[in-house]
Structure formats: C-alpha cells, structure tokens
Amino acid sequence: MSGEVRHIRRVSDRLMALIALGLLFVVAAVLLARTTDNIVVAEPPMGALIQGRTLLFNDGPDGEVAISDAATGAVVRTLYAGEGSFIRGVVRSLVRTRHQQGLFAQTGFNLNLYEDGRLQLIDPLTSQVIDLVAFGPTNMAEFAALLTTEPTLSLVADSQ
C-alpha cells in the first residue's frame, strides 16, 4: 500500500462559483426575511357593537366542551367528542397564547358582532383578537350561533 499513488480530486472553478452563489443567495434571503418582519394588523371593526357575549369553555371528562355564558353560568352549547373542531381549534390557540404568557386564569373570551358584520373572538387577558370573518361563512356561523343560542337550564359545574 505504500507504493500506491493517490490522486487528489480538484473541484472545478465553475462548481465552486455555483456553491458560492448559492450560499450568497441563502444569506441574502435570510437577511431579507429578518429586515422585512412586518406584521399586518387588520383594521378595527366599523360601527358599533351590535351583540356581545362572554363565553367560558370548560373541558369535560369524556372529551366534551361545555360552552357557557360567563354572566349567567348557563350552558349555551356542549361540544361532544368529535364535534366543533373549528371552535375547539380557535379556542385552543387562544389558551396556548395565555399559557405561553404565564396566564392561567379561567377568564372567559368575548365574542362580539359589529355593525359591519365582523365577528371577533377577543381574549381580554392577552388582548389577542381573532377576526372570525376571515375563516369563511361556515366557520363564522359556528361562532355566530353562540351569540343567539339561548342558554339551557343546567348550570355548568366547576371542573376543579
């Protein structure tokens, strides 16, 4: 083995130029992304508040979620396991933000309908606003129904 001649491969100048150009492109893309970190904020609703309700969302033992009116404690709707995936997802994102900020209070969420037809779910603890119109009429209707639904007679039991 000591008599073997080993050839050293040389990378062509053209390939090295392409690699350098690729690295330059990646660096430029990262710099562009870092310097154009603009957050688009939706315009506030136009007109007065038509209807509003503060809602509490309580998890049950079998995967159900009891949605109740915070003012009366009366159940507005119960989402059984496998139901209401859009409502569950939106509320879960708000709760996740609360937990990330170290807020664990059982404060309700404000559901507000404005004159311009905008429906918003607002977290009073984090000031996060979800404009539900952006998710289309079917998903918006899921939340809009919570404004008009009459509470049932049963009261929500504290889950603690």
N, C-alpha and C. Protein backbone atom coordinates (compact mmCIF):
# COMPACT_ATOMS: atom_id res chain seq x y z
N MET A 1 0.80 -1.18 0.00
CA MET A 1 0.00 0.00 0.00
C MET A 1 0.85 1.26 0.00
N SER A 2 2.05 1.12 0.42
CA SER A 2 2.90 2.31 0.47
C SER A 2 3.29 2.77 -0.93
N GLY A 3 3.18 1.92 -1.94
CA GLY A 3 3.57 2.30 -3.28
C GLY A 3 2.42 2.86 -4.10
N GLU A 4 1.21 2.93 -3.51
CA GLU A 4 0.06 3.45 -4.25
C GLU A 4 0.14 4.95 -4.40
N VAL A 5 -0.28 5.38 -5.55
CA VAL A 5 -0.35 6.83 -5.80
C VAL A 5 -1.80 7.25 -5.62
N ARG A 6 -2.01 8.23 -4.79
CA ARG A 6 -3.37 8.74 -4.55
C ARG A 6 -3.53 10.04 -5.31
N HIS A 7 -4.59 10.09 -6.07
CA HIS A 7 -4.87 11.30 -6.84
C HIS A 7 -5.80 12.20 -6.03
N ILE A 8 -5.52 13.44 -6.00
CA ILE A 8 -6.36 14.42 -5.32
C ILE A 8 -7.31 15.00 -6.35
N ARG A 9 -8.58 14.92 -6.02
CA ARG A 9 -9.58 15.47 -6.93
C ARG A 9 -9.65 16.98 -6.74
N ARG A 10 -9.75 17.64 -7.82
CA ARG A 10 -9.87 19.09 -7.77
C ARG A 10 -11.29 19.45 -8.21
N VAL A 11 -11.92 20.30 -7.41
CA VAL A 11 -13.27 20.75 -7.75
C VAL A 11 -13.13 21.87 -8.77
N SER A 12 -13.97 21.78 -9.78
CA SER A 12 -13.86 22.79 -10.85
C SER A 12 -14.22 24.18 -10.34
N ASP A 13 -13.65 25.17 -10.97
CA ASP A 13 -13.93 26.56 -10.59
C ASP A 13 -15.40 26.91 -10.81
N ARG A 14 -15.99 26.33 -11.82
CA ARG A 14 -17.40 26.59 -12.12
C ARG A 14 -18.29 26.08 -10.97
N LEU A 15 -18.02 24.88 -10.46
CA LEU A 15 -18.79 24.32 -9.35
C LEU A 15 -18.60 25.16 -8.09
N MET A 16 -17.38 25.60 -7.82
CA MET A 16 -17.12 26.44 -6.65
C MET A 16 -17.88 27.77 -6.76
N ALA A 17 -17.95 28.33 -7.95
CA ALA A 17 -18.67 29.57 -8.16
C ALA A 17 -20.17 29.37 -7.90
N LEU A 18 -20.72 28.23 -8.34
CA LEU A 18 -22.14 27.93 -8.10
C LEU A 18 -22.42 27.75 -6.61
N ILE A 19 -21.53 27.08 -5.91
CA ILE A 19 -21.70 26.89 -4.46
C ILE A 19 -21.66 28.24 -3.75
N ALA A 20 -20.70 29.09 -4.11
CA ALA A 20 -20.59 30.42 -3.51
C ALA A 20 -21.82 31.26 -3.80
N LEU A 21 -22.33 31.19 -5.01
CA LEU A 21 -23.52 31.93 -5.39
C LEU A 21 -24.74 31.43 -4.60
N GLY A 22 -24.84 30.14 -4.42
CA GLY A 22 -25.93 29.56 -3.63
C GLY A 22 -25.88 30.03 -2.18
N LEU A 23 -24.68 30.02 -1.59
CA LEU A 23 -24.53 30.50 -0.21
C LEU A 23 -24.88 31.97 -0.11
N LEU A 24 -24.48 32.75 -1.08
CA LEU A 24 -24.80 34.17 -1.10
C LEU A 24 -26.31 34.38 -1.18
N PHE A 25 -26.98 33.58 -1.98
CA PHE A 25 -28.44 33.66 -2.09
C PHE A 25 -29.11 33.34 -0.77
N VAL A 26 -28.66 32.30 -0.08
CA VAL A 26 -29.24 31.93 1.21
C VAL A 26 -29.05 33.05 2.24
N VAL A 27 -27.84 33.61 2.29
CA VAL A 27 -27.58 34.71 3.23
C VAL A 27 -28.46 35.91 2.91
N ALA A 28 -28.62 36.24 1.63
CA ALA A 28 -29.46 37.36 1.24
C ALA A 28 -30.92 37.11 1.60
N ALA A 29 -31.40 35.90 1.39
CA ALA A 29 -32.78 35.56 1.73
C ALA A 29 -33.03 35.67 3.22
N VAL A 30 -32.10 35.20 4.04
CA VAL A 30 -32.24 35.29 5.49
C VAL A 30 -32.24 36.76 5.93
N LEU A 31 -31.34 37.55 5.38
CA LEU A 31 -31.29 38.98 5.73
C LEU A 31 -32.57 39.69 5.33
N LEU A 32 -33.10 39.37 4.17
CA LEU A 32 -34.34 39.97 3.72
C LEU A 32 -35.50 39.60 4.65
N ALA A 33 -35.55 38.35 5.03
CA ALA A 33 -36.62 37.90 5.93
C ALA A 33 -36.52 38.58 7.29
N ARG A 34 -35.32 38.78 7.78
CA ARG A 34 -35.13 39.41 9.09
C ARG A 34 -35.45 40.90 9.07
N THR A 35 -35.20 41.57 7.95
CA THR A 35 -35.41 43.02 7.91
C THR A 35 -36.81 43.40 7.47
N THR A 36 -37.56 42.49 6.91
CA THR A 36 -38.94 42.80 6.49
C THR A 36 -39.93 42.03 7.35
N ASP A 37 -39.76 42.15 8.63
CA ASP A 37 -40.59 41.43 9.60
C ASP A 37 -41.84 42.24 9.94
N ASN A 38 -42.58 42.65 8.92
CA ASN A 38 -43.76 43.47 9.14
C ASN A 38 -44.95 42.60 9.48
N ILE A 39 -45.69 43.00 10.51
CA ILE A 39 -46.90 42.29 10.90
C ILE A 39 -48.08 43.11 10.40
N VAL A 40 -48.94 42.47 9.64
CA VAL A 40 -50.11 43.16 9.11
C VAL A 40 -51.21 43.09 10.15
N VAL A 41 -51.72 44.24 10.52
CA VAL A 41 -52.78 44.32 11.52
C VAL A 41 -54.08 44.65 10.81
N ALA A 42 -55.12 43.89 11.12
CA ALA A 42 -56.41 44.13 10.49
C ALA A 42 -57.01 45.43 11.02
N GLU A 43 -57.77 46.06 10.16
CA GLU A 43 -58.45 47.29 10.56
C GLU A 43 -59.47 46.97 11.65
N PRO A 44 -59.68 47.91 12.59
CA PRO A 44 -60.69 47.67 13.61
C PRO A 44 -62.08 47.65 12.97
N PRO A 45 -63.04 47.00 13.62
CA PRO A 45 -64.40 46.93 13.07
C PRO A 45 -65.00 48.32 12.91
N MET A 46 -65.84 48.45 11.90
CA MET A 46 -66.53 49.71 11.65
C MET A 46 -67.90 49.64 12.30
N GLY A 47 -68.29 50.70 12.94
CA GLY A 47 -69.62 50.75 13.53
C GLY A 47 -69.64 50.24 14.96
N ALA A 48 -70.81 50.30 15.51
CA ALA A 48 -71.00 49.95 16.92
C ALA A 48 -71.11 48.44 17.12
N LEU A 49 -70.94 48.07 18.36
CA LEU A 49 -71.13 46.67 18.77
C LEU A 49 -72.63 46.39 18.75
N ILE A 50 -73.03 45.38 17.98
CA ILE A 50 -74.45 45.00 17.91
C ILE A 50 -74.79 44.03 19.03
N GLN A 51 -73.92 43.04 19.18
CA GLN A 51 -74.19 41.98 20.15
C GLN A 51 -72.87 41.44 20.66
N GLY A 52 -72.84 41.12 21.93
CA GLY A 52 -71.63 40.55 22.52
C GLY A 52 -71.98 39.59 23.63
N ARG A 53 -71.06 38.68 23.87
CA ARG A 53 -71.27 37.70 24.94
C ARG A 53 -69.90 37.22 25.39
N THR A 54 -69.74 37.05 26.69
CA THR A 54 -68.52 36.48 27.23
C THR A 54 -68.76 35.01 27.47
N LEU A 55 -67.90 34.19 26.90
CA LEU A 55 -68.08 32.74 26.94
C LEU A 55 -66.96 32.06 27.71
N LEU A 56 -67.33 31.06 28.46
CA LEU A 56 -66.38 30.20 29.16
C LEU A 56 -66.38 28.84 28.47
N PHE A 57 -65.21 28.22 28.37
CA PHE A 57 -65.07 26.92 27.73
C PHE A 57 -64.48 25.97 28.77
N ASN A 58 -65.27 24.97 29.17
CA ASN A 58 -64.82 24.02 30.20
C ASN A 58 -64.75 22.62 29.63
N ASP A 59 -63.59 21.98 29.79
CA ASP A 59 -63.40 20.62 29.31
C ASP A 59 -64.08 19.63 30.24
N GLY A 60 -64.73 18.62 29.65
CA GLY A 60 -65.37 17.57 30.42
C GLY A 60 -64.52 16.32 30.41
N PRO A 61 -64.90 15.32 31.18
CA PRO A 61 -64.08 14.10 31.32
C PRO A 61 -64.06 13.21 30.08
N ASP A 62 -65.07 13.30 29.24
CA ASP A 62 -65.14 12.42 28.07
C ASP A 62 -64.87 13.14 26.77
N GLY A 63 -64.11 14.25 26.82
CA GLY A 63 -63.76 14.98 25.62
C GLY A 63 -64.76 16.03 25.22
N GLU A 64 -65.82 16.20 26.00
CA GLU A 64 -66.78 17.24 25.66
C GLU A 64 -66.30 18.59 26.18
N VAL A 65 -66.81 19.64 25.55
CA VAL A 65 -66.51 21.01 25.96
C VAL A 65 -67.84 21.70 26.20
N ALA A 66 -68.04 22.16 27.43
CA ALA A 66 -69.25 22.91 27.77
C ALA A 66 -68.95 24.39 27.56
N ILE A 67 -69.73 25.02 26.70
CA ILE A 67 -69.59 26.45 26.44
C ILE A 67 -70.71 27.14 27.21
N SER A 68 -70.33 28.03 28.12
CA SER A 68 -71.34 28.66 28.95
C SER A 68 -71.23 30.18 28.90
N ASP A 69 -72.33 30.83 29.21
CA ASP A 69 -72.38 32.28 29.30
C ASP A 69 -71.73 32.67 30.61
N ALA A 70 -70.71 33.52 30.56
CA ALA A 70 -69.98 33.89 31.77
C ALA A 70 -70.84 34.68 32.74
N ALA A 71 -71.81 35.43 32.23
CA ALA A 71 -72.66 36.25 33.09
C ALA A 71 -73.64 35.43 33.91
N THR A 72 -74.17 34.38 33.30
CA THR A 72 -75.20 33.59 33.98
C THR A 72 -74.72 32.22 34.43
N GLY A 73 -73.67 31.71 33.81
CA GLY A 73 -73.19 30.37 34.11
C GLY A 73 -73.97 29.29 33.38
N ALA A 74 -74.97 29.68 32.62
CA ALA A 74 -75.81 28.71 31.91
C ALA A 74 -75.08 28.19 30.66
N VAL A 75 -75.24 26.90 30.40
CA VAL A 75 -74.63 26.27 29.24
C VAL A 75 -75.32 26.76 27.97
N VAL A 76 -74.52 27.23 27.03
CA VAL A 76 -75.02 27.70 25.74
C VAL A 76 -74.99 26.55 24.73
N ARG A 77 -73.92 25.78 24.77
CA ARG A 77 -73.76 24.65 23.86
C ARG A 77 -72.74 23.68 24.44
N THR A 78 -72.93 22.42 24.15
CA THR A 78 -71.95 21.41 24.53
C THR A 78 -71.42 20.77 23.25
N LEU A 79 -70.10 20.77 23.13
CA LEU A 79 -69.45 20.11 22.01
C LEU A 79 -69.01 18.74 22.49
N TYR A 80 -69.61 17.70 21.94
CA TYR A 80 -69.24 16.35 22.33
C TYR A 80 -68.01 15.92 21.55
N ALA A 81 -67.37 14.86 21.98
CA ALA A 81 -66.15 14.37 21.33
C ALA A 81 -66.38 14.25 19.83
N GLY A 82 -65.49 14.84 19.05
CA GLY A 82 -65.59 14.79 17.60
C GLY A 82 -66.38 15.92 16.98
N GLU A 83 -66.99 16.77 17.79
CA GLU A 83 -67.78 17.90 17.28
C GLU A 83 -67.01 19.21 17.46
N GLY A 84 -67.37 20.18 16.63
CA GLY A 84 -66.88 21.55 16.80
C GLY A 84 -65.38 21.72 16.67
N SER A 85 -64.79 21.08 15.69
CA SER A 85 -63.33 21.15 15.56
C SER A 85 -62.83 22.58 15.32
N PHE A 86 -63.60 23.39 14.59
CA PHE A 86 -63.16 24.77 14.36
C PHE A 86 -63.19 25.58 15.65
N ILE A 87 -64.27 25.48 16.39
CA ILE A 87 -64.37 26.21 17.66
C ILE A 87 -63.27 25.74 18.61
N ARG A 88 -63.07 24.44 18.71
CA ARG A 88 -62.02 23.90 19.58
C ARG A 88 -60.65 24.44 19.19
N GLY A 89 -60.37 24.46 17.89
CA GLY A 89 -59.06 24.91 17.41
C GLY A 89 -58.80 26.37 17.70
N VAL A 90 -59.80 27.21 17.48
CA VAL A 90 -59.64 28.65 17.73
C VAL A 90 -59.42 28.90 19.22
N VAL A 91 -60.23 28.29 20.04
CA VAL A 91 -60.10 28.50 21.49
C VAL A 91 -58.78 27.92 21.99
N ARG A 92 -58.38 26.78 21.46
CA ARG A 92 -57.10 26.18 21.86
C ARG A 92 -55.93 27.12 21.55
N SER A 93 -56.00 27.81 20.41
CA SER A 93 -54.91 28.75 20.08
C SER A 93 -54.87 29.92 21.06
N LEU A 94 -56.03 30.40 21.49
CA LEU A 94 -56.07 31.48 22.48
C LEU A 94 -55.54 31.01 23.84
N VAL A 95 -55.92 29.81 24.22
CA VAL A 95 -55.46 29.25 25.51
C VAL A 95 -53.95 29.02 25.47
N ARG A 96 -53.44 28.56 24.33
CA ARG A 96 -52.00 28.34 24.18
C ARG A 96 -51.24 29.65 24.37
N THR A 97 -51.76 30.74 23.80
CA THR A 97 -51.12 32.05 23.97
C THR A 97 -51.13 32.46 25.44
N ARG A 98 -52.23 32.20 26.12
CA ARG A 98 -52.29 32.51 27.56
C ARG A 98 -51.21 31.75 28.32
N HIS A 99 -51.09 30.48 28.04
CA HIS A 99 -50.10 29.66 28.75
C HIS A 99 -48.68 30.12 28.44
N GLN A 100 -48.42 30.51 27.20
CA GLN A 100 -47.09 31.00 26.83
C GLN A 100 -46.75 32.27 27.59
N GLN A 101 -47.77 33.05 27.94
CA GLN A 101 -47.55 34.30 28.67
C GLN A 101 -47.68 34.10 30.18
N GLY A 102 -47.87 32.86 30.61
CA GLY A 102 -47.96 32.56 32.03
C GLY A 102 -49.29 32.94 32.66
N LEU A 103 -50.33 33.03 31.84
CA LEU A 103 -51.66 33.39 32.33
C LEU A 103 -52.52 32.13 32.37
N PHE A 104 -52.99 31.78 33.55
CA PHE A 104 -53.75 30.54 33.69
C PHE A 104 -55.15 30.79 34.26
N ALA A 105 -55.61 32.02 34.23
CA ALA A 105 -56.92 32.37 34.78
C ALA A 105 -58.03 31.77 33.92
N GLN A 106 -59.14 31.48 34.56
CA GLN A 106 -60.30 30.92 33.87
C GLN A 106 -61.24 32.03 33.38
N THR A 107 -60.67 33.13 32.91
CA THR A 107 -61.45 34.25 32.39
C THR A 107 -62.02 33.86 31.03
N GLY A 108 -63.23 34.31 30.76
CA GLY A 108 -63.88 33.99 29.50
C GLY A 108 -63.31 34.77 28.32
N PHE A 109 -63.83 34.45 27.16
CA PHE A 109 -63.47 35.11 25.91
C PHE A 109 -64.68 35.90 25.42
N ASN A 110 -64.45 37.11 24.91
CA ASN A 110 -65.53 37.96 24.44
C ASN A 110 -65.80 37.68 22.96
N LEU A 111 -67.04 37.37 22.65
CA LEU A 111 -67.47 37.16 21.28
C LEU A 111 -68.33 38.36 20.89
N ASN A 112 -67.85 39.16 19.92
CA ASN A 112 -68.51 40.41 19.57
C ASN A 112 -68.87 40.47 18.10
N LEU A 113 -70.10 40.93 17.83
CA LEU A 113 -70.58 41.15 16.47
C LEU A 113 -70.78 42.66 16.28
N TYR A 114 -70.21 43.20 15.20
CA TYR A 114 -70.27 44.63 14.93
C TYR A 114 -71.17 44.93 13.75
N GLU A 115 -71.52 46.21 13.60
CA GLU A 115 -72.43 46.65 12.53
C GLU A 115 -71.94 46.28 11.13
N ASP A 116 -70.63 46.27 10.93
CA ASP A 116 -70.10 45.95 9.60
C ASP A 116 -70.08 44.45 9.30
N GLY A 117 -70.63 43.65 10.22
CA GLY A 117 -70.71 42.20 10.01
C GLY A 117 -69.51 41.43 10.53
N ARG A 118 -68.53 42.14 11.09
CA ARG A 118 -67.35 41.46 11.62
C ARG A 118 -67.68 40.80 12.94
N LEU A 119 -67.21 39.59 13.09
CA LEU A 119 -67.38 38.82 14.30
C LEU A 119 -66.00 38.51 14.84
N GLN A 120 -65.75 38.92 16.08
CA GLN A 120 -64.42 38.75 16.65
C GLN A 120 -64.49 38.00 17.98
N LEU A 121 -63.50 37.15 18.18
CA LEU A 121 -63.31 36.49 19.47
C LEU A 121 -62.09 37.15 20.10
N ILE A 122 -62.28 37.72 21.28
CA ILE A 122 -61.24 38.53 21.92
C ILE A 122 -60.88 37.92 23.26
N ASP A 123 -59.58 37.79 23.50
CA ASP A 123 -59.09 37.34 24.80
C ASP A 123 -58.76 38.59 25.62
N PRO A 124 -59.53 38.89 26.65
CA PRO A 124 -59.27 40.10 27.44
C PRO A 124 -57.96 40.05 28.23
N LEU A 125 -57.43 38.86 28.46
CA LEU A 125 -56.16 38.74 29.20
C LEU A 125 -54.95 39.07 28.35
N THR A 126 -54.95 38.61 27.10
CA THR A 126 -53.79 38.80 26.23
C THR A 126 -54.01 39.88 25.18
N SER A 127 -55.24 40.37 25.04
CA SER A 127 -55.64 41.34 24.02
C SER A 127 -55.55 40.77 22.61
N GLN A 128 -55.45 39.46 22.49
CA GLN A 128 -55.42 38.82 21.18
C GLN A 128 -56.84 38.82 20.59
N VAL A 129 -56.93 39.18 19.31
CA VAL A 129 -58.22 39.25 18.62
C VAL A 129 -58.19 38.33 17.42
N ILE A 130 -59.20 37.48 17.29
CA ILE A 130 -59.32 36.63 16.12
C ILE A 130 -60.56 37.10 15.36
N ASP A 131 -60.32 37.58 14.14
CA ASP A 131 -61.40 38.06 13.29
C ASP A 131 -61.97 36.84 12.56
N LEU A 132 -63.12 36.38 12.99
CA LEU A 132 -63.68 35.12 12.51
C LEU A 132 -64.20 35.20 11.08
N VAL A 133 -64.45 36.39 10.57
CA VAL A 133 -64.91 36.55 9.18
C VAL A 133 -63.87 35.99 8.21
N ALA A 134 -62.61 36.05 8.60
CA ALA A 134 -61.52 35.60 7.73
C ALA A 134 -61.57 34.10 7.46
N PHE A 135 -62.30 33.35 8.26
CA PHE A 135 -62.34 31.89 8.11
C PHE A 135 -63.52 31.40 7.28
N GLY A 136 -64.27 32.33 6.69
CA GLY A 136 -65.37 31.95 5.81
C GLY A 136 -66.69 31.86 6.55
N PRO A 137 -67.78 31.88 5.78
CA PRO A 137 -69.12 31.94 6.37
C PRO A 137 -69.51 30.70 7.19
N THR A 138 -69.06 29.54 6.79
CA THR A 138 -69.43 28.33 7.53
C THR A 138 -68.81 28.32 8.91
N ASN A 139 -67.51 28.61 8.98
CA ASN A 139 -66.83 28.64 10.27
C ASN A 139 -67.31 29.81 11.13
N MET A 140 -67.56 30.94 10.49
CA MET A 140 -68.07 32.09 11.24
C MET A 140 -69.44 31.78 11.84
N ALA A 141 -70.26 31.05 11.10
CA ALA A 141 -71.60 30.70 11.58
C ALA A 141 -71.54 29.84 12.85
N GLU A 142 -70.49 29.03 12.99
CA GLU A 142 -70.33 28.22 14.20
C GLU A 142 -70.27 29.11 15.44
N PHE A 143 -69.51 30.20 15.35
CA PHE A 143 -69.40 31.13 16.46
C PHE A 143 -70.62 32.04 16.57
N ALA A 144 -71.17 32.47 15.43
CA ALA A 144 -72.34 33.36 15.44
C ALA A 144 -73.51 32.69 16.16
N ALA A 145 -73.62 31.38 16.01
CA ALA A 145 -74.70 30.65 16.68
C ALA A 145 -74.57 30.74 18.21
N LEU A 146 -73.36 30.93 18.70
CA LEU A 146 -73.17 31.04 20.16
C LEU A 146 -73.71 32.37 20.69
N LEU A 147 -73.86 33.35 19.84
CA LEU A 147 -74.44 34.63 20.26
C LEU A 147 -75.95 34.55 20.41
N THR A 148 -76.58 33.77 19.55
CA THR A 148 -78.04 33.73 19.52
C THR A 148 -78.64 32.55 20.27
N THR A 149 -77.82 31.60 20.66
CA THR A 149 -78.32 30.42 21.34
C THR A 149 -78.78 30.78 22.74
N GLU A 150 -79.97 30.36 23.08
CA GLU A 150 -80.48 30.56 24.43
C GLU A 150 -79.82 29.55 25.36
N PRO A 151 -79.45 30.00 26.54
CA PRO A 151 -78.85 29.06 27.50
C PRO A 151 -79.83 27.98 27.92
N THR A 152 -79.29 26.81 28.22
CA THR A 152 -80.11 25.73 28.75
C THR A 152 -80.27 25.94 30.25
N LEU A 153 -81.13 25.20 30.87
CA LEU A 153 -81.40 25.39 32.29
C LEU A 153 -80.29 24.89 33.20
N SER A 154 -79.50 23.93 32.72
CA SER A 154 -78.45 23.37 33.59
C SER A 154 -77.31 24.36 33.73
N LEU A 155 -76.75 24.40 34.90
CA LEU A 155 -75.60 25.25 35.16
C LEU A 155 -74.33 24.46 34.98
N VAL A 156 -73.28 25.12 34.57
CA VAL A 156 -72.00 24.47 34.38
C VAL A 156 -71.39 24.21 35.74
N ALA A 157 -71.03 22.97 35.98
CA ALA A 157 -70.35 22.63 37.24
C ALA A 157 -68.89 23.01 37.12
N ASP A 158 -68.35 23.51 38.16
CA ASP A 158 -66.93 23.86 38.16
C ASP A 158 -66.13 22.59 37.96
N SER A 159 -65.19 22.60 37.03
CA SER A 159 -64.42 21.40 36.73
C SER A 159 -63.18 21.26 37.62
N GLN A 160 -63.07 22.10 38.66
CA GLN A 160 -61.92 21.98 39.55
C GLN A 160 -62.25 21.11 40.72
